[in-house]
Amino acid sequence: MLRQHAYRPRVFSTAQEFQNYVDIEKAVCVILDINLPDGSGIELRDGLNEAGISVPVIYVTAGCIAFLTKRFSTQALIEPLKKATAARS
């Protein structure tokens, strides 16, 4: 899918493979799964920050109905709450 939009993705199967890659600071963006077989995408992002590497991150996960980035609007919070309430009714 990314190639169809002229991006050149570099795919890593594990957190360890990602950590061993030396050119990550050249990335336009990093897409991280929150739950990896050998770690966490959140931990990987923390490692980038600790190493002084500033690169935009998109998190991917299953089972969430919303992910809000700080300074979110009231509407951005209320809509997923309404969906969750409706699903539980």
PDB file of N, CA and C in Angstrom:
ATOM      1  N   MET A   1       0.821  -1.181   0.000  1.00  0.00           N
ATOM      2  CA  MET A   1       0.000   0.000   0.000  1.00  0.00           C
ATOM      3  C   MET A   1       0.875   1.259   0.000  1.00  0.00           C
ATOM      4  N   LEU A   2       1.908   1.288   0.804  1.00  0.00           N
ATOM      5  CA  LEU A   2       2.770   2.467   0.853  1.00  0.00           C
ATOM      6  C   LEU A   2       3.499   2.694  -0.462  1.00  0.00           C
ATOM      7  N   ARG A   3       3.915   1.623  -1.095  1.00  0.00           N
ATOM      8  CA  ARG A   3       4.601   1.752  -2.386  1.00  0.00           C
ATOM      9  C   ARG A   3       3.673   2.349  -3.445  1.00  0.00           C
ATOM     10  N   GLN A   4       2.394   2.031  -3.374  1.00  0.00           N
ATOM     11  CA  GLN A   4       1.427   2.587  -4.320  1.00  0.00           C
ATOM     12  C   GLN A   4       1.310   4.102  -4.192  1.00  0.00           C
ATOM     13  N   HIS A   5       1.744   4.617  -3.054  1.00  0.00           N
ATOM     14  CA  HIS A   5       1.701   6.055  -2.821  1.00  0.00           C
ATOM     15  C   HIS A   5       3.102   6.675  -2.836  1.00  0.00           C
ATOM     16  N   ALA A   6       4.023   5.996  -3.501  1.00  0.00           N
ATOM     17  CA  ALA A   6       5.389   6.480  -3.742  1.00  0.00           C
ATOM     18  C   ALA A   6       6.273   6.534  -2.498  1.00  0.00           C
ATOM     19  N   TYR A   7       5.935   5.762  -1.465  1.00  0.00           N
ATOM     20  CA  TYR A   7       6.809   5.639  -0.300  1.00  0.00           C
ATOM     21  C   TYR A   7       7.652   4.383  -0.454  1.00  0.00           C
ATOM     22  N   ARG A   8       8.829   4.403   0.163  1.00  0.00           N
ATOM     23  CA  ARG A   8       9.717   3.245   0.130  1.00  0.00           C
ATOM     24  C   ARG A   8       9.841   2.684   1.541  1.00  0.00           C
ATOM     25  N   PRO A   9       8.929   1.804   1.920  1.00  0.00           N
ATOM     26  CA  PRO A   9       8.947   1.304   3.304  1.00  0.00           C
ATOM     27  C   PRO A   9      10.115   0.363   3.565  1.00  0.00           C
ATOM     28  N   ARG A  10      10.584   0.399   4.763  1.00  0.00           N
ATOM     29  CA  ARG A  10      11.580  -0.544   5.272  1.00  0.00           C
ATOM     30  C   ARG A  10      10.843  -1.323   6.362  1.00  0.00           C
ATOM     31  N   VAL A  11      10.720  -2.626   6.204  1.00  0.00           N
ATOM     32  CA  VAL A  11       9.911  -3.445   7.101  1.00  0.00           C
ATOM     33  C   VAL A  11      10.811  -4.229   8.048  1.00  0.00           C
ATOM     34  N   PHE A  12      10.441  -4.222   9.326  1.00  0.00           N
ATOM     35  CA  PHE A  12      11.146  -4.977  10.348  1.00  0.00           C
ATOM     36  C   PHE A  12      10.159  -5.922  11.006  1.00  0.00           C
ATOM     37  N   SER A  13      10.535  -7.178  11.157  1.00  0.00           N
ATOM     38  CA  SER A  13       9.644  -8.184  11.744  1.00  0.00           C
ATOM     39  C   SER A  13       9.649  -8.158  13.267  1.00  0.00           C
ATOM     40  N   THR A  14      10.717  -7.611  13.835  1.00  0.00           N
ATOM     41  CA  THR A  14      10.833  -7.611  15.292  1.00  0.00           C
ATOM     42  C   THR A  14      11.370  -6.267  15.779  1.00  0.00           C
ATOM     43  N   ALA A  15      11.192  -6.023  17.063  1.00  0.00           N
ATOM     44  CA  ALA A  15      11.749  -4.822  17.673  1.00  0.00           C
ATOM     45  C   ALA A  15      13.268  -4.838  17.569  1.00  0.00           C
ATOM     46  N   GLN A  16      13.863  -6.004  17.716  1.00  0.00           N
ATOM     47  CA  GLN A  16      15.322  -6.122  17.646  1.00  0.00           C
ATOM     48  C   GLN A  16      15.839  -5.717  16.267  1.00  0.00           C
ATOM     49  N   GLU A  17      15.173  -6.150  15.208  1.00  0.00           N
ATOM     50  CA  GLU A  17      15.582  -5.746  13.858  1.00  0.00           C
ATOM     51  C   GLU A  17      15.531  -4.230  13.720  1.00  0.00           C
ATOM     52  N   PHE A  18      14.474  -3.631  14.239  1.00  0.00           N
ATOM     53  CA  PHE A  18      14.324  -2.180  14.187  1.00  0.00           C
ATOM     54  C   PHE A  18      15.470  -1.496  14.936  1.00  0.00           C
ATOM     55  N   GLN A  19      15.782  -1.989  16.116  1.00  0.00           N
ATOM     56  CA  GLN A  19      16.836  -1.394  16.935  1.00  0.00           C
ATOM     57  C   GLN A  19      18.211  -1.528  16.284  1.00  0.00           C
ATOM     58  N   ASN A  20      18.408  -2.557  15.486  1.00  0.00           N
ATOM     59  CA  ASN A  20      19.693  -2.778  14.829  1.00  0.00           C
ATOM     60  C   ASN A  20      19.878  -1.936  13.565  1.00  0.00           C
ATOM     61  N   TYR A  21      18.829  -1.322  13.085  1.00  0.00           N
ATOM     62  CA  TYR A  21      18.904  -0.511  11.870  1.00  0.00           C
ATOM     63  C   TYR A  21      19.584   0.819  12.187  1.00  0.00           C
ATOM     64  N   VAL A  22      20.611   1.161  11.448  1.00  0.00           N
ATOM     65  CA  VAL A  22      21.425   2.326  11.801  1.00  0.00           C
ATOM     66  C   VAL A  22      20.988   3.643  11.157  1.00  0.00           C
ATOM     67  N   ASP A  23      20.142   3.610  10.157  1.00  0.00           N
ATOM     68  CA  ASP A  23      19.761   4.836   9.451  1.00  0.00           C
ATOM     69  C   ASP A  23      18.362   5.333   9.793  1.00  0.00           C
ATOM     70  N   ILE A  24      17.877   5.034  10.966  1.00  0.00           N
ATOM     71  CA  ILE A  24      16.496   5.378  11.307  1.00  0.00           C
ATOM     72  C   ILE A  24      16.272   6.895  11.307  1.00  0.00           C
ATOM     73  N   GLU A  25      17.298   7.677  11.623  1.00  0.00           N
ATOM     74  CA  GLU A  25      17.121   9.129  11.651  1.00  0.00           C
ATOM     75  C   GLU A  25      16.858   9.699  10.256  1.00  0.00           C
ATOM     76  N   LYS A  26      17.084   8.916   9.212  1.00  0.00           N
ATOM     77  CA  LYS A  26      16.793   9.361   7.843  1.00  0.00           C
ATOM     78  C   LYS A  26      15.332   9.107   7.452  1.00  0.00           C
ATOM     79  N   ALA A  27      14.595   8.421   8.310  1.00  0.00           N
ATOM     80  CA  ALA A  27      13.200   8.087   8.001  1.00  0.00           C
ATOM     81  C   ALA A  27      12.329   9.336   7.988  1.00  0.00           C
ATOM     82  N   VAL A  28      11.381   9.361   7.071  1.00  0.00           N
ATOM     83  CA  VAL A  28      10.396  10.431   7.025  1.00  0.00           C
ATOM     84  C   VAL A  28       9.431  10.279   8.195  1.00  0.00           C
ATOM     85  N   CYS A  29       9.108   9.041   8.505  1.00  0.00           N
ATOM     86  CA  CYS A  29       8.162   8.708   9.566  1.00  0.00           C
ATOM     87  C   CYS A  29       8.382   7.246   9.936  1.00  0.00           C
ATOM     88  N   VAL A  30       8.042   6.893  11.164  1.00  0.00           N
ATOM     89  CA  VAL A  30       8.138   5.508  11.617  1.00  0.00           C
ATOM     90  C   VAL A  30       6.741   5.041  11.998  1.00  0.00           C
ATOM     91  N   ILE A  31       6.345   3.891  11.487  1.00  0.00           N
ATOM     92  CA  ILE A  31       5.055   3.293  11.837  1.00  0.00           C
ATOM     93  C   ILE A  31       5.350   2.112  12.749  1.00  0.00           C
ATOM     94  N   LEU A  32       4.871   2.189  13.988  1.00  0.00           N
ATOM     95  CA  LEU A  32       5.171   1.173  14.991  1.00  0.00           C
ATOM     96  C   LEU A  32       3.911   0.499  15.496  1.00  0.00           C
ATOM     97  N   ASP A  33       3.951  -0.817  15.551  1.00  0.00           N
ATOM     98  CA  ASP A  33       2.882  -1.566  16.202  1.00  0.00           C
ATOM     99  C   ASP A  33       3.109  -1.458  17.705  1.00  0.00           C
ATOM    100  N   ILE A  34       2.074  -1.207  18.449  1.00  0.00           N
ATOM    101  CA  ILE A  34       2.222  -1.080  19.901  1.00  0.00           C
ATOM    102  C   ILE A  34       2.600  -2.418  20.522  1.00  0.00           C
ATOM    103  N   ASN A  35       2.058  -3.512  20.000  1.00  0.00           N
ATOM    104  CA  ASN A  35       2.342  -4.844  20.552  1.00  0.00           C
ATOM    105  C   ASN A  35       3.143  -5.658  19.555  1.00  0.00           C
ATOM    106  N   LEU A  36       4.443  -5.797  19.834  1.00  0.00           N
ATOM    107  CA  LEU A  36       5.334  -6.589  18.993  1.00  0.00           C
ATOM    108  C   LEU A  36       5.674  -7.887  19.709  1.00  0.00           C
ATOM    109  N   PRO A  37       6.064  -8.920  18.966  1.00  0.00           N
ATOM    110  CA  PRO A  37       6.381 -10.203  19.605  1.00  0.00           C
ATOM    111  C   PRO A  37       7.507 -10.107  20.633  1.00  0.00           C
ATOM    112  N   ASP A  38       8.425  -9.170  20.417  1.00  0.00           N
ATOM    113  CA  ASP A  38       9.577  -9.091  21.320  1.00  0.00           C
ATOM    114  C   ASP A  38       9.728  -7.711  21.952  1.00  0.00           C
ATOM    115  N   GLY A  39       8.648  -6.984  22.060  1.00  0.00           N
ATOM    116  CA  GLY A  39       8.734  -5.671  22.689  1.00  0.00           C
ATOM    117  C   GLY A  39       7.506  -4.835  22.419  1.00  0.00           C
ATOM    118  N   SER A  40       7.673  -3.562  22.577  1.00  0.00           N
ATOM    119  CA  SER A  40       6.566  -2.627  22.449  1.00  0.00           C
ATOM    120  C   SER A  40       6.973  -1.464  21.561  1.00  0.00           C
ATOM    121  N   GLY A  41       6.081  -1.056  20.694  1.00  0.00           N
ATOM    122  CA  GLY A  41       6.336   0.114  19.867  1.00  0.00           C
ATOM    123  C   GLY A  41       6.538   1.363  20.709  1.00  0.00           C
ATOM    124  N   ILE A  42       5.860   1.419  21.833  1.00  0.00           N
ATOM    125  CA  ILE A  42       6.022   2.564  22.736  1.00  0.00           C
ATOM    126  C   ILE A  42       7.439   2.577  23.305  1.00  0.00           C
ATOM    127  N   GLU A  43       7.943   1.412  23.680  1.00  0.00           N
ATOM    128  CA  GLU A  43       9.319   1.325  24.178  1.00  0.00           C
ATOM    129  C   GLU A  43      10.321   1.696  23.090  1.00  0.00           C
ATOM    130  N   LEU A  44      10.042   1.297  21.859  1.00  0.00           N
ATOM    131  CA  LEU A  44      10.931   1.662  20.754  1.00  0.00           C
ATOM    132  C   LEU A  44      10.974   3.183  20.572  1.00  0.00           C
ATOM    133  N   ARG A  45       9.815   3.812  20.658  1.00  0.00           N
ATOM    134  CA  ARG A  45       9.756   5.282  20.547  1.00  0.00           C
ATOM    135  C   ARG A  45      10.540   5.927  21.688  1.00  0.00           C
ATOM    136  N   ASP A  46      10.390   5.396  22.897  1.00  0.00           N
ATOM    137  CA  ASP A  46      11.146   5.915  24.036  1.00  0.00           C
ATOM    138  C   ASP A  46      12.645   5.800  23.778  1.00  0.00           C
ATOM    139  N   GLY A  47      13.070   4.681  23.186  1.00  0.00           N
ATOM    140  CA  GLY A  47      14.477   4.487  22.861  1.00  0.00           C
ATOM    141  C   GLY A  47      14.981   5.494  21.846  1.00  0.00           C
ATOM    142  N   LEU A  48      14.144   5.818  20.861  1.00  0.00           N
ATOM    143  CA  LEU A  48      14.522   6.844  19.889  1.00  0.00           C
ATOM    144  C   LEU A  48      14.720   8.189  20.579  1.00  0.00           C
ATOM    145  N   ASN A  49      13.785   8.531  21.452  1.00  0.00           N
ATOM    146  CA  ASN A  49      13.889   9.805  22.175  1.00  0.00           C
ATOM    147  C   ASN A  49      15.155   9.854  23.022  1.00  0.00           C
ATOM    148  N   GLU A  50      15.451   8.760  23.718  1.00  0.00           N
ATOM    149  CA  GLU A  50      16.649   8.699  24.564  1.00  0.00           C
ATOM    150  C   GLU A  50      17.922   8.831  23.734  1.00  0.00           C
ATOM    151  N   ALA A  51      17.882   8.337  22.499  1.00  0.00           N
ATOM    152  CA  ALA A  51      19.042   8.429  21.613  1.00  0.00           C
ATOM    153  C   ALA A  51      19.119   9.787  20.900  1.00  0.00           C
ATOM    154  N   GLY A  52      18.149  10.651  21.172  1.00  0.00           N
ATOM    155  CA  GLY A  52      18.143  11.971  20.549  1.00  0.00           C
ATOM    156  C   GLY A  52      17.660  11.964  19.118  1.00  0.00           C
ATOM    157  N   ILE A  53      16.942  10.918  18.735  1.00  0.00           N
ATOM    158  CA  ILE A  53      16.426  10.800  17.366  1.00  0.00           C
ATOM    159  C   ILE A  53      14.983  11.280  17.359  1.00  0.00           C
ATOM    160  N   SER A  54      14.757  12.337  16.614  1.00  0.00           N
ATOM    161  CA  SER A  54      13.418  12.914  16.527  1.00  0.00           C
ATOM    162  C   SER A  54      12.836  12.589  15.166  1.00  0.00           C
ATOM    163  N   VAL A  55      11.888  11.686  15.139  1.00  0.00           N
ATOM    164  CA  VAL A  55      11.215  11.292  13.899  1.00  0.00           C
ATOM    165  C   VAL A  55       9.733  11.114  14.221  1.00  0.00           C
ATOM    166  N   PRO A  56       8.846  11.586  13.347  1.00  0.00           N
ATOM    167  CA  PRO A  56       7.412  11.403  13.594  1.00  0.00           C
ATOM    168  C   PRO A  56       7.064   9.914  13.672  1.00  0.00           C
ATOM    169  N   VAL A  57       6.105   9.584  14.535  1.00  0.00           N
ATOM    170  CA  VAL A  57       5.695   8.192  14.733  1.00  0.00           C
ATOM    171  C   VAL A  57       4.192   8.061  14.560  1.00  0.00           C
ATOM    172  N   ILE A  58       3.802   7.008  13.852  1.00  0.00           N
ATOM    173  CA  ILE A  58       2.401   6.594  13.776  1.00  0.00           C
ATOM    174  C   ILE A  58       2.319   5.248  14.478  1.00  0.00           C
ATOM    175  N   TYR A  59       1.418   5.141  15.454  1.00  0.00           N
ATOM    176  CA  TYR A  59       1.221   3.873  16.158  1.00  0.00           C
ATOM    177  C   TYR A  59       0.070   3.105  15.520  1.00  0.00           C
ATOM    178  N   VAL A  60       0.236   1.789  15.465  1.00  0.00           N
ATOM    179  CA  VAL A  60      -0.794   0.891  14.957  1.00  0.00           C
ATOM    180  C   VAL A  60      -1.104  -0.107  16.068  1.00  0.00           C
ATOM    181  N   THR A  61      -2.377  -0.389  16.262  1.00  0.00           N
ATOM    182  CA  THR A  61      -2.758  -1.390  17.249  1.00  0.00           C
ATOM    183  C   THR A  61      -4.149  -1.907  16.925  1.00  0.00           C
ATOM    184  N   ALA A  62      -4.479  -3.021  17.515  1.00  0.00           N
ATOM    185  CA  ALA A  62      -5.818  -3.598  17.353  1.00  0.00           C
ATOM    186  C   ALA A  62      -6.581  -3.421  18.668  1.00  0.00           C
ATOM    187  N   GLY A  63      -7.891  -3.374  18.557  1.00  0.00           N
ATOM    188  CA  GLY A  63      -8.716  -3.358  19.754  1.00  0.00           C
ATOM    189  C   GLY A  63      -9.012  -1.991  20.323  1.00  0.00           C
ATOM    190  N   CYS A  64      -8.454  -0.949  19.778  1.00  0.00           N
ATOM    191  CA  CYS A  64      -8.737   0.403  20.273  1.00  0.00           C
ATOM    192  C   CYS A  64      -9.863   1.012  19.447  1.00  0.00           C
ATOM    193  N   ILE A  65     -10.706   1.762  20.116  1.00  0.00           N
ATOM    194  CA  ILE A  65     -11.745   2.467  19.361  1.00  0.00           C
ATOM    195  C   ILE A  65     -11.323   3.892  19.046  1.00  0.00           C
ATOM    196  N   ALA A  66     -10.265   4.369  19.730  1.00  0.00           N
ATOM    197  CA  ALA A  66      -9.760   5.713  19.447  1.00  0.00           C
ATOM    198  C   ALA A  66      -8.367   5.864  20.038  1.00  0.00           C
ATOM    199  N   PHE A  67      -7.616   6.760  19.435  1.00  0.00           N
ATOM    200  CA  PHE A  67      -6.326   7.168  19.974  1.00  0.00           C
ATOM    201  C   PHE A  67      -6.281   8.674  19.807  1.00  0.00           C
ATOM    202  N   LEU A  68      -6.149   9.369  20.896  1.00  0.00           N
ATOM    203  CA  LEU A  68      -6.192  10.825  20.855  1.00  0.00           C
ATOM    204  C   LEU A  68      -4.808  11.401  21.088  1.00  0.00           C
ATOM    205  N   THR A  69      -4.474  12.383  20.282  1.00  0.00           N
ATOM    206  CA  THR A  69      -3.232  13.109  20.448  1.00  0.00           C
ATOM    207  C   THR A  69      -3.532  14.361  21.261  1.00  0.00           C
ATOM    208  N   LYS A  70      -2.687  14.629  22.236  1.00  0.00           N
ATOM    209  CA  LYS A  70      -2.953  15.778  23.101  1.00  0.00           C
ATOM    210  C   LYS A  70      -3.033  17.052  22.312  1.00  0.00           C
ATOM    211  N   ARG A  71      -3.690  17.792  22.689  1.00  0.00           N
ATOM    212  CA  ARG A  71      -4.687  18.819  22.577  1.00  0.00           C
ATOM    213  C   ARG A  71      -5.737  18.302  21.621  1.00  0.00           C
ATOM    214  N   PHE A  72      -6.647  17.522  22.154  1.00  0.00           N
ATOM    215  CA  PHE A  72      -7.767  17.020  21.371  1.00  0.00           C
ATOM    216  C   PHE A  72      -9.027  17.784  21.747  1.00  0.00           C
ATOM    217  N   SER A  73      -9.964  17.774  20.823  1.00  0.00           N
ATOM    218  CA  SER A  73     -11.224  18.473  21.055  1.00  0.00           C
ATOM    219  C   SER A  73     -12.166  17.616  21.889  1.00  0.00           C
ATOM    220  N   THR A  74     -13.133  18.261  22.484  1.00  0.00           N
ATOM    221  CA  THR A  74     -14.163  17.540  23.240  1.00  0.00           C
ATOM    222  C   THR A  74     -14.850  16.539  22.329  1.00  0.00           C
ATOM    223  N   GLN A  75     -15.138  16.947  21.117  1.00  0.00           N
ATOM    224  CA  GLN A  75     -15.813  16.071  20.154  1.00  0.00           C
ATOM    225  C   GLN A  75     -14.997  14.823  19.862  1.00  0.00           C
ATOM    226  N   ALA A  76     -13.671  14.965  19.771  1.00  0.00           N
ATOM    227  CA  ALA A  76     -12.804  13.813  19.503  1.00  0.00           C
ATOM    228  C   ALA A  76     -12.875  12.792  20.624  1.00  0.00           C
ATOM    229  N   LEU A  77     -13.147  13.218  21.833  1.00  0.00           N
ATOM    230  CA  LEU A  77     -13.305  12.308  22.975  1.00  0.00           C
ATOM    231  C   LEU A  77     -14.721  11.758  23.064  1.00  0.00           C
ATOM    232  N   ILE A  78     -15.709  12.596  22.849  1.00  0.00           N
ATOM    233  CA  ILE A  78     -17.109  12.195  23.018  1.00  0.00           C
ATOM    234  C   ILE A  78     -17.549  11.180  21.970  1.00  0.00           C
ATOM    235  N   GLU A  79     -17.122  11.342  20.717  1.00  0.00           N
ATOM    236  CA  GLU A  79     -17.558  10.413  19.659  1.00  0.00           C
ATOM    237  C   GLU A  79     -17.177   8.953  19.960  1.00  0.00           C
ATOM    238  N   PRO A  80     -15.929   8.650  20.305  1.00  0.00           N
ATOM    239  CA  PRO A  80     -15.610   7.259  20.640  1.00  0.00           C
ATOM    240  C   PRO A  80     -16.339   6.769  21.895  1.00  0.00           C
ATOM    241  N   LEU A  81     -16.563   7.683  22.845  1.00  0.00           N
ATOM    242  CA  LEU A  81     -17.329   7.289  24.032  1.00  0.00           C
ATOM    243  C   LEU A  81     -18.756   6.898  23.651  1.00  0.00           C
ATOM    244  N   LYS A  82     -19.358   7.639  22.746  1.00  0.00           N
ATOM    245  CA  LYS A  82     -20.707   7.303  22.268  1.00  0.00           C
ATOM    246  C   LYS A  82     -20.714   5.941  21.584  1.00  0.00           C
ATOM    247  N   LYS A  83     -19.692   5.681  20.750  1.00  0.00           N
ATOM    248  CA  LYS A  83     -19.601   4.386  20.074  1.00  0.00           C
ATOM    249  C   LYS A  83     -19.447   3.250  21.075  1.00  0.00           C
ATOM    250  N   ALA A  84     -18.616   3.445  22.089  1.00  0.00           N
ATOM    251  CA  ALA A  84     -18.407   2.418  23.105  1.00  0.00           C
ATOM    252  C   ALA A  84     -19.691   2.174  23.884  1.00  0.00           C
ATOM    253  N   THR A  85     -20.387   3.234  24.215  1.00  0.00           N
ATOM    254  CA  THR A  85     -21.661   3.115  24.952  1.00  0.00           C
ATOM    255  C   THR A  85     -22.689   2.358  24.120  1.00  0.00           C
ATOM    256  N   ALA A  86     -22.785   2.699  22.843  1.00  0.00           N
ATOM    257  CA  ALA A  86     -23.739   2.023  21.968  1.00  0.00           C
ATOM    258  C   ALA A  86     -23.403   0.549  21.812  1.00  0.00           C
ATOM    259  N   ALA A  87     -22.143   0.232  21.724  1.00  0.00           N
ATOM    260  CA  ALA A  87     -21.710  -1.161  21.555  1.00  0.00           C
ATOM    261  C   ALA A  87     -22.001  -1.985  22.794  1.00  0.00           C
ATOM    262  N   ARG A  88     -22.006  -1.367  23.969  1.00  0.00           N
ATOM    263  CA  ARG A  88     -22.224  -2.076  25.224  1.00  0.00           C
ATOM    264  C   ARG A  88     -23.695  -2.172  25.587  1.00  0.00           C
ATOM    265  N   SER A  89     -24.551  -1.431  24.872  1.00  0.00           N
ATOM    266  CA  SER A  89     -25.993  -1.419  25.188  1.00  0.00           C
ATOM    267  C   SER A  89     -26.722  -2.582  24.596  1.00  0.00           C
TER     268      SER A  89
END
